[in-house]
């Protein structure tokens, strides 16, 4: 089965809105969203997130460019059907003037990571000071043997800011004809 990494930004269409940083109120807990840890009660129930005035326009898309996976309700429901442990965190999207643009967007936070990387075939930069510690990955190559038990949606263990989707999940998402969804097929070895 093929697997794809999800591009979260920047957007190709500059008329689409983009989001910077994270919703108001997350403060020191924002790293949890990027690394696959549950937010639980640390996520504010009245979270608001304002469109970036620095980048992008004001038009809404199925996937909004940001550091996280931010999707409209229809896409969220497809992700939920995978059965992958995740949080779907709702927020109020504010336009550039601080007015409500939508209350129908969610941050998808797949919990945990999956050991799937082929360490020898991937292009990995290791720390010189701390042997074995990864400081960057230029090319992700998946290990086809490790993928035998892969879920349809996951984060790479060594690089949790990379979101991976199975071909099956991509097919389901494409049925909705989503906007601003760009994928890169990942090599396997």
Protein backbone atom coordinates (compact mmCIF):
# COMPACT_ATOMS: atom_id res chain seq x y z
CA UNK A 1 0.00 0.00 0.00
CA UNK A 2 1.20 3.52 -0.73
CA UNK A 3 1.58 6.16 1.98
CA UNK A 4 1.62 9.93 1.66
CA UNK A 5 2.79 12.83 3.79
CA UNK A 6 0.29 15.66 4.21
CA UNK A 7 1.51 19.14 3.31
CA UNK A 8 0.08 21.61 5.82
CA UNK A 9 1.42 24.82 4.31
CA UNK A 10 2.14 27.20 2.89
CA UNK A 11 -0.87 27.26 0.69
CA UNK A 12 -0.54 27.42 -3.11
CA UNK A 13 -3.57 29.71 -3.43
CA UNK A 14 -2.69 33.01 -1.72
CA UNK A 15 -6.40 33.95 -1.46
CA UNK A 16 -6.87 31.18 1.14
CA UNK A 17 -6.48 31.96 4.82
CA UNK A 18 -3.55 30.66 6.83
CA UNK A 19 -3.02 30.26 10.55
CA UNK A 20 0.12 31.07 12.50
CA UNK A 21 1.21 29.80 15.91
CA UNK A 22 -1.71 28.14 17.73
CA UNK A 23 -5.13 29.02 19.19
CA UNK A 24 -5.19 31.56 22.01
CA UNK A 25 -4.83 30.07 25.46
CA UNK A 26 -2.55 27.10 24.72
CA UNK A 27 0.64 28.82 25.91
CA UNK A 28 3.22 26.26 27.00
CA UNK A 29 1.08 23.28 25.98
CA UNK A 30 1.18 23.84 22.19
CA UNK A 31 4.05 21.36 21.76
CA UNK A 32 1.63 18.59 22.77
CA UNK A 33 -0.34 19.17 19.55
CA UNK A 34 2.79 18.92 17.45
CA UNK A 35 4.15 15.78 19.04
CA UNK A 36 1.05 13.61 19.45
CA UNK A 37 0.41 14.02 23.16
CA UNK A 38 -3.19 14.44 24.34
CA UNK A 39 -4.29 17.95 25.19
CA UNK A 40 -7.12 16.81 27.45
CA UNK A 41 -8.20 19.54 29.86
CA UNK A 42 -5.24 21.73 28.80
CA UNK A 43 -7.14 22.68 25.65
CA UNK A 44 -9.34 25.75 26.26
CA UNK A 45 -13.06 25.03 25.72
CA UNK A 46 -13.52 28.49 24.17
CA UNK A 47 -10.43 28.39 21.92
CA UNK A 48 -10.16 31.07 19.24
CA UNK A 49 -7.70 31.29 16.38
CA UNK A 50 -7.33 34.33 14.17
CA UNK A 51 -6.38 34.19 10.50
CA UNK A 52 -2.84 35.30 9.80
CA UNK A 53 -2.63 38.88 8.61
CA UNK A 54 0.95 38.25 7.51
CA UNK A 55 0.20 35.36 5.14
CA UNK A 56 -2.70 34.32 2.99
CA UNK A 57 -6.09 35.75 2.33
CA UNK A 58 -9.44 35.22 3.94
CA UNK A 59 -11.04 32.48 1.85
CA UNK A 60 -11.76 29.21 3.70
CA UNK A 61 -10.53 25.81 2.48
CA UNK A 62 -11.07 22.19 3.49
CA UNK A 63 -7.59 22.18 5.02
CA UNK A 64 -6.18 25.42 6.42
CA UNK A 65 -2.42 25.90 6.20
CA UNK A 66 -0.87 25.86 9.69
CA UNK A 67 1.63 23.92 11.82
CA UNK A 68 -1.10 21.37 12.59
CA UNK A 69 -3.76 19.44 10.67
CA UNK A 70 -6.68 21.90 10.62
CA UNK A 71 -9.72 20.68 8.70
CA UNK A 72 -13.38 21.40 8.16
CA UNK A 73 -16.00 19.10 9.70
CA UNK A 74 -16.47 16.83 6.64
CA UNK A 75 -12.76 15.94 6.56
CA UNK A 76 -12.67 15.54 10.34
CA UNK A 77 -15.39 12.89 10.07
CA UNK A 78 -13.33 10.93 7.52
CA UNK A 79 -10.28 11.03 9.82
CA UNK A 80 -12.44 9.88 12.76
CA UNK A 81 -13.71 6.87 10.81
CA UNK A 82 -10.15 5.48 10.64
CA UNK A 83 -10.46 4.47 14.31
CA UNK A 84 -7.00 5.90 15.00
CA UNK A 85 -6.72 7.31 18.54
CA UNK A 86 -6.95 11.08 18.11
CA UNK A 87 -8.34 14.29 19.48
CA UNK A 88 -10.51 16.51 17.30
CA UNK A 89 -10.25 19.93 18.89
CA UNK A 90 -12.81 22.53 17.87
CA UNK A 91 -12.07 26.26 17.83
CA UNK A 92 -13.66 29.48 16.66
CA UNK A 93 -11.95 30.75 13.53
CA UNK A 94 -11.69 34.54 13.52
CA UNK A 95 -11.14 36.61 10.40
CA UNK A 96 -8.51 39.35 10.06
CA UNK A 97 -10.77 41.84 11.89
CA UNK A 98 -11.44 39.49 14.82
CA UNK A 99 -14.96 38.58 13.68
CA UNK A 100 -16.21 34.97 13.67
CA UNK A 101 -15.51 33.38 10.28
CA UNK A 102 -16.43 29.80 11.24
CA UNK A 103 -16.99 27.49 14.17
CA UNK A 104 -16.74 24.38 12.03
CA UNK A 105 -12.96 23.72 11.98
CA UNK A 106 -10.95 21.23 14.00
CA UNK A 107 -7.35 20.51 14.87
CA UNK A 108 -6.74 16.80 14.29
CA UNK A 109 -4.26 15.50 16.85
CA UNK A 110 -3.41 11.83 16.17
CA UNK A 111 -2.10 10.50 19.46
CA UNK A 112 1.28 8.83 19.67
CA UNK A 113 3.68 7.98 16.89
CA UNK A 114 4.38 4.95 14.71
CA UNK A 115 7.77 3.29 14.16
CA UNK A 116 7.87 3.13 10.36
CA UNK A 117 11.07 4.84 9.19
CA UNK A 118 13.81 2.98 7.37
CA UNK A 119 16.73 4.54 9.24
CA UNK A 120 19.42 3.47 6.76
CA UNK A 121 17.61 4.62 3.59
CA UNK A 122 16.23 7.89 5.01
CA UNK A 123 18.40 11.01 4.92
CA UNK A 124 18.84 11.76 8.61
CA UNK A 125 21.06 14.34 10.29
CA UNK A 126 22.29 13.20 13.68
CA UNK A 127 23.67 15.35 16.50
CA UNK A 128 27.47 15.38 16.82
CA UNK A 129 27.23 16.15 20.54
CA UNK A 130 24.61 13.51 21.39
CA UNK A 131 25.18 10.32 19.34
CA UNK A 132 21.97 8.75 18.09
CA UNK A 133 19.90 11.92 18.56
CA UNK A 134 18.14 13.02 15.38
CA UNK A 135 18.20 16.75 14.68
CA UNK A 136 16.64 16.66 11.22
CA UNK A 137 15.31 14.42 8.46
CA UNK A 138 15.68 15.57 4.85
CA UNK A 139 14.12 12.51 3.24
CA UNK A 140 11.66 10.11 4.84
CA UNK A 141 11.83 6.53 3.53
CA UNK A 142 9.35 4.14 5.07
CA UNK A 143 10.27 0.56 5.99
CA UNK A 144 7.79 -1.68 4.16
CA UNK A 145 8.20 -4.42 6.80
CA UNK A 146 7.19 -2.03 9.59
CA UNK A 147 4.17 -0.85 7.58
CA UNK A 148 2.43 -4.23 7.81
CA UNK A 149 0.65 -3.10 10.97
CA UNK A 150 0.40 0.59 10.08
CA UNK A 151 -2.82 2.49 10.79
CA UNK A 152 -4.37 4.64 8.07
CA UNK A 153 -3.21 7.87 9.73
CA UNK A 154 -0.16 8.38 11.93
CA UNK A 155 2.89 10.44 12.88
CA UNK A 156 6.44 9.23 12.21
CA UNK A 157 8.16 8.24 15.47
CA UNK A 158 11.40 10.07 14.67
CA UNK A 159 9.61 13.14 13.23
CA UNK A 160 6.15 13.55 14.83
CA UNK A 161 5.43 16.78 12.94
CA UNK A 162 5.08 14.68 9.77
CA UNK A 163 1.57 13.29 9.24
CA UNK A 164 1.22 10.14 7.11
CA UNK A 165 -1.94 8.95 5.36
CA UNK A 166 -2.58 5.56 3.77
CA UNK A 167 -3.76 5.27 0.18
CA UNK A 168 -7.10 4.04 1.55
CA UNK A 169 -7.58 7.20 3.61
CA UNK A 170 -6.50 9.41 0.71
CA UNK A 171 -9.11 7.75 -1.52
CA UNK A 172 -11.82 8.47 1.07
CA UNK A 173 -10.75 12.10 1.44
CA UNK A 174 -10.64 12.61 -2.34
CA UNK A 175 -14.31 11.61 -2.61
CA UNK A 176 -15.09 14.92 -0.85
CA UNK A 177 -13.07 16.86 -3.45
CA UNK A 178 -11.29 18.85 -0.70
CA UNK A 179 -9.54 22.15 -1.28
CA UNK A 180 -5.94 22.92 -0.30
CA UNK A 181 -5.04 19.26 0.33
CA UNK A 182 -1.59 18.40 -1.07
CA UNK A 183 0.12 15.06 -0.60
CA UNK A 184 3.59 13.69 -1.31
CA UNK A 185 4.02 9.98 -1.92
CA UNK A 186 6.60 8.55 0.46
CA UNK A 187 9.27 6.15 -0.76
CA UNK A 188 9.41 2.65 0.73
CA UNK A 189 12.30 0.23 1.08
